[in-house]
Every structure is written in C-alpha cells, then in structure tokens.
Protein backbone atom coordinates (compact mmCIF):
# COMPACT_ATOMS: atom_id res chain seq x y z
CA MET A 1 -6.48 22.35 3.13
CA GLU A 2 -2.83 23.25 2.55
CA GLU A 3 -1.85 21.85 5.95
CA GLN A 4 -3.13 18.41 4.94
CA GLN A 5 -0.87 18.45 1.85
CA ARG A 6 2.31 18.94 3.85
CA LYS A 7 4.56 15.92 4.16
CA TYR A 8 5.14 16.33 7.90
CA ARG A 9 2.56 17.79 10.27
CA LEU A 10 4.02 18.37 13.75
CA LEU A 11 2.37 19.59 16.95
CA PHE A 12 4.37 20.59 20.04
CA VAL A 13 2.54 20.39 23.38
CA CYS A 14 3.27 21.59 26.92
CA LEU A 15 0.98 22.49 29.79
CA GLY A 16 -0.03 26.09 29.03
CA ASN A 17 1.34 26.69 25.52
CA ILE A 18 3.19 29.81 26.67
CA CYS A 19 6.79 28.63 27.22
CA ARG A 20 8.10 25.34 25.89
CA SER A 21 5.75 24.44 23.05
CA PRO A 22 5.68 27.82 21.26
CA ALA A 23 9.48 27.93 21.55
CA ALA A 24 9.72 24.42 20.09
CA GLU A 25 7.40 25.42 17.23
CA GLU A 26 9.56 28.43 16.30
CA ILE A 27 12.87 26.61 16.74
CA MET A 28 11.61 23.83 14.47
CA ARG A 29 10.32 26.40 11.96
CA GLN A 30 13.77 27.96 11.73
CA ALA A 31 15.50 24.56 11.41
CA VAL A 32 13.15 23.69 8.54
CA MET A 33 13.75 27.08 6.89
CA ARG A 34 17.54 26.69 7.15
CA GLY A 35 17.14 23.35 5.41
CA GLY A 36 14.95 24.87 2.67
CA ASP A 37 12.06 22.55 3.51
CA GLU A 38 9.31 25.00 4.52
CA SER A 39 6.86 23.54 2.00
CA GLU A 40 7.24 20.09 3.54
CA TYR A 41 6.15 21.02 7.07
CA ALA A 42 3.08 22.24 8.91
CA LEU A 43 3.96 23.26 12.48
CA ASP A 44 1.84 24.29 15.45
CA SER A 45 1.81 24.18 19.23
CA ALA A 46 -0.86 23.79 21.89
CA GLY A 47 -1.31 23.29 25.61
CA LEU A 48 -3.18 20.85 27.77
CA TYR A 49 -4.42 23.69 30.00
CA GLY A 50 -6.73 26.16 28.28
CA GLY A 51 -6.40 29.02 30.77
CA HIS A 52 -3.89 30.90 28.63
CA ALA A 53 -5.86 30.54 25.37
CA GLY A 54 -5.30 33.56 23.13
CA ALA A 55 -2.31 34.78 25.15
CA SER A 56 1.15 35.48 23.77
CA PRO A 57 4.05 33.36 24.98
CA ASP A 58 5.49 34.18 28.41
CA SER A 59 7.44 37.45 28.25
CA ARG A 60 10.55 35.84 29.76
CA MET A 61 10.54 33.08 27.14
CA ARG A 62 10.04 35.66 24.40
CA ALA A 63 13.01 37.68 25.69
CA HIS A 64 15.34 34.69 25.98
CA ALA A 65 14.24 33.35 22.60
CA ALA A 66 14.70 36.78 20.95
CA ARG A 67 18.33 36.86 22.08
CA ARG A 68 18.82 33.75 19.97
CA GLY A 69 16.93 35.13 16.99
CA TYR A 70 13.57 33.46 17.60
CA LEU A 71 10.45 35.60 17.40
CA LEU A 72 7.61 33.86 19.25
CA ARG A 73 4.31 35.08 17.77
CA HIS A 74 2.08 32.11 18.54
CA LYS A 75 -1.18 32.67 20.44
CA ALA A 76 -1.84 29.98 23.04
CA ARG A 77 -4.53 27.42 22.39
CA ARG A 78 -5.70 24.22 23.99
CA VAL A 79 -4.98 20.90 22.33
CA GLU A 80 -8.13 19.32 20.87
CA GLU A 81 -9.09 15.79 19.92
CA LYS A 82 -9.19 16.82 16.24
CA ASP A 83 -5.45 17.57 16.49
CA PHE A 84 -4.88 13.82 16.40
CA ASP A 85 -6.35 13.86 12.86
CA ARG A 86 -4.52 17.02 11.82
CA PHE A 87 -1.00 16.01 12.90
CA ASP A 88 1.34 13.11 12.18
CA TYR A 89 3.40 13.54 15.33
CA ILE A 90 2.54 15.18 18.63
CA PHE A 91 5.54 16.01 20.82
CA ALA A 92 5.07 16.13 24.59
CA MET A 93 7.50 18.19 26.61
CA ASP A 94 7.38 16.06 29.78
CA ASP A 95 5.94 12.82 31.17
CA SER A 96 2.82 14.49 32.51
CA ASN A 97 2.06 15.93 29.04
CA TYR A 98 2.91 12.58 27.45
CA ASP A 99 0.55 10.62 29.68
CA ALA A 100 -2.29 13.15 29.26
CA LEU A 101 -1.95 13.15 25.47
CA ARG A 102 -1.94 9.36 25.30
CA ARG A 103 -5.11 9.25 27.42
CA MET A 104 -6.68 11.86 25.14
CA ALA A 105 -5.84 9.98 21.91
CA PRO A 106 -9.04 8.61 20.34
CA THR A 107 -7.45 5.51 18.75
CA VAL A 108 -4.49 3.19 19.19
CA GLU A 109 -2.98 4.67 16.02
CA ASP A 110 -3.30 8.13 17.54
CA VAL A 111 -1.52 6.98 20.72
CA ARG A 112 1.46 6.09 18.52
CA LYS A 113 1.67 9.69 17.27
CA VAL A 114 2.55 10.94 20.75
CA ARG A 115 6.30 11.18 21.32
CA ARG A 116 8.48 12.59 24.09
CA MET A 117 10.48 15.56 22.83
CA SER A 118 13.42 14.41 24.94
CA GLU A 119 13.69 11.23 22.81
CA PHE A 120 15.28 13.36 20.11
CA LEU A 121 18.02 14.98 22.16
CA GLN A 122 21.37 14.42 20.50
CA HIS A 123 23.88 16.18 22.77
CA TYR A 124 22.07 16.63 26.07
CA VAL A 125 20.79 14.02 28.51
CA SER A 126 17.38 14.78 30.01
CA ASP A 127 14.22 12.78 30.62
CA SER A 128 12.09 15.79 29.74
CA ILE A 129 12.00 19.39 28.63
CA PRO A 130 11.43 20.94 32.08
CA ASP A 131 8.92 23.71 32.64
CA PRO A 132 10.84 26.97 33.22
CA TYR A 133 7.77 28.94 34.33
CA TYR A 134 8.59 29.07 38.06
CA GLY A 135 12.36 29.28 37.65
CA GLY A 136 14.84 31.94 36.74
CA ALA A 137 16.76 32.90 33.63
CA SER A 138 18.90 29.76 33.66
CA GLY A 139 15.75 27.63 33.35
CA PHE A 140 14.69 29.40 30.17
CA GLU A 141 18.17 29.13 28.70
CA ASN A 142 18.30 25.42 29.56
CA VAL A 143 14.93 24.83 27.87
CA LEU A 144 16.08 26.64 24.73
CA ASN A 145 19.29 24.58 24.65
CA LEU A 146 17.29 21.36 24.96
CA LEU A 147 14.72 22.41 22.37
CA GLU A 148 17.36 23.46 19.83
CA ASP A 149 19.01 20.07 20.25
CA ALA A 150 15.78 18.05 20.13
CA CYS A 151 14.32 19.98 17.16
CA GLU A 152 17.52 19.36 15.20
CA GLY A 153 17.19 15.69 16.14
CA VAL A 154 13.59 15.53 14.89
CA TYR A 155 14.47 17.37 11.69
CA LYS A 156 17.46 15.15 10.91
CA LYS A 157 15.44 11.96 11.47
CA LEU A 158 12.59 13.12 9.25
CA LYS A 159 14.92 14.42 6.55
CA ASN A 160 17.06 11.27 6.51
CA GLY A 161 14.58 8.52 7.14
CA GLY A 162 11.13 9.85 6.47
CA GLY A 163 9.72 8.89 9.85
CA LEU A 164 10.23 8.75 13.56
C-alpha cells in the first residue's frame, strides 16, 4: 500500500469530521506541497462521531476555507481502531477528542501517537482548537488561524527533526 510507504502518516480528528479535522487535513496538505514534500506524507481526517459519515465538510467551513485558497473535498468518516495501525500520529482538536482517542487506542504505543493539535501552535495561545459549529463567522476564522499556525508547527518539527 502506497500509504504505508510514506514517511509520515498523519490523521486529524475532531468530533464530526466536518469542520476542524478536514480543514486541518487540507491546510497540512498545502503546507507539505509548498515544501515540495508531497511524496513524504499520507494525510487523512476522521471524526469520533459517525453521524456525518459520507458528508462533505460544513458549508460555512468550506466557504471560509475557500477564501484562503483551501478546497475541502474530504468526505466525513468515523475514526476506526485500525487507524492506529495506519497512522504515525493522530492529532486531536480538543481535550474531549484527545481523551476519547487515548481510550480507543489498542496499545500503550498507540496511546503515544495521540497528540493535541494545540501543542504545535507557534504564534497563538490556546488549549485547544475550538469547535466553530455553533458559533458565527469569527469562530471559523479563528479555527483557520489556529490550524494554519499548528499545521506549520507540525510540518516544521517533522521536517527539521524527523519526529514529534
């Protein structure tokens, strides 16, 4: 499988896989492309809640992301136990996602793959990437700001040091 041959396999996870995680996936994809490292990365996103499975990202997130040049094409899916085998790092958008993913991890080694996306913020201070779903336009813009910052942080660490 080509995905298994990639150097870095990253999964971004939020609750429904319709706002934060698909945006993180696309923002990271563009950061990797700008760096010329597409062949080194396999990227995906998923949600802890399966009720949106097969759906496109939230229309508000798509609109805000499009203004910044991000085209969100991902179809929502639920995170699965086999994702812990498929990915090297699994990024949780908030503490609730983080705790749920750690409980879901089949082994101690898999628990170590789960990281908080906010750990990689370079210019912003936030304990989490907040869910913009029930907020207004400023919430979506804030999430995109945080994700751009955190994705650049992840990319720089992997490019410079080879691990997180």
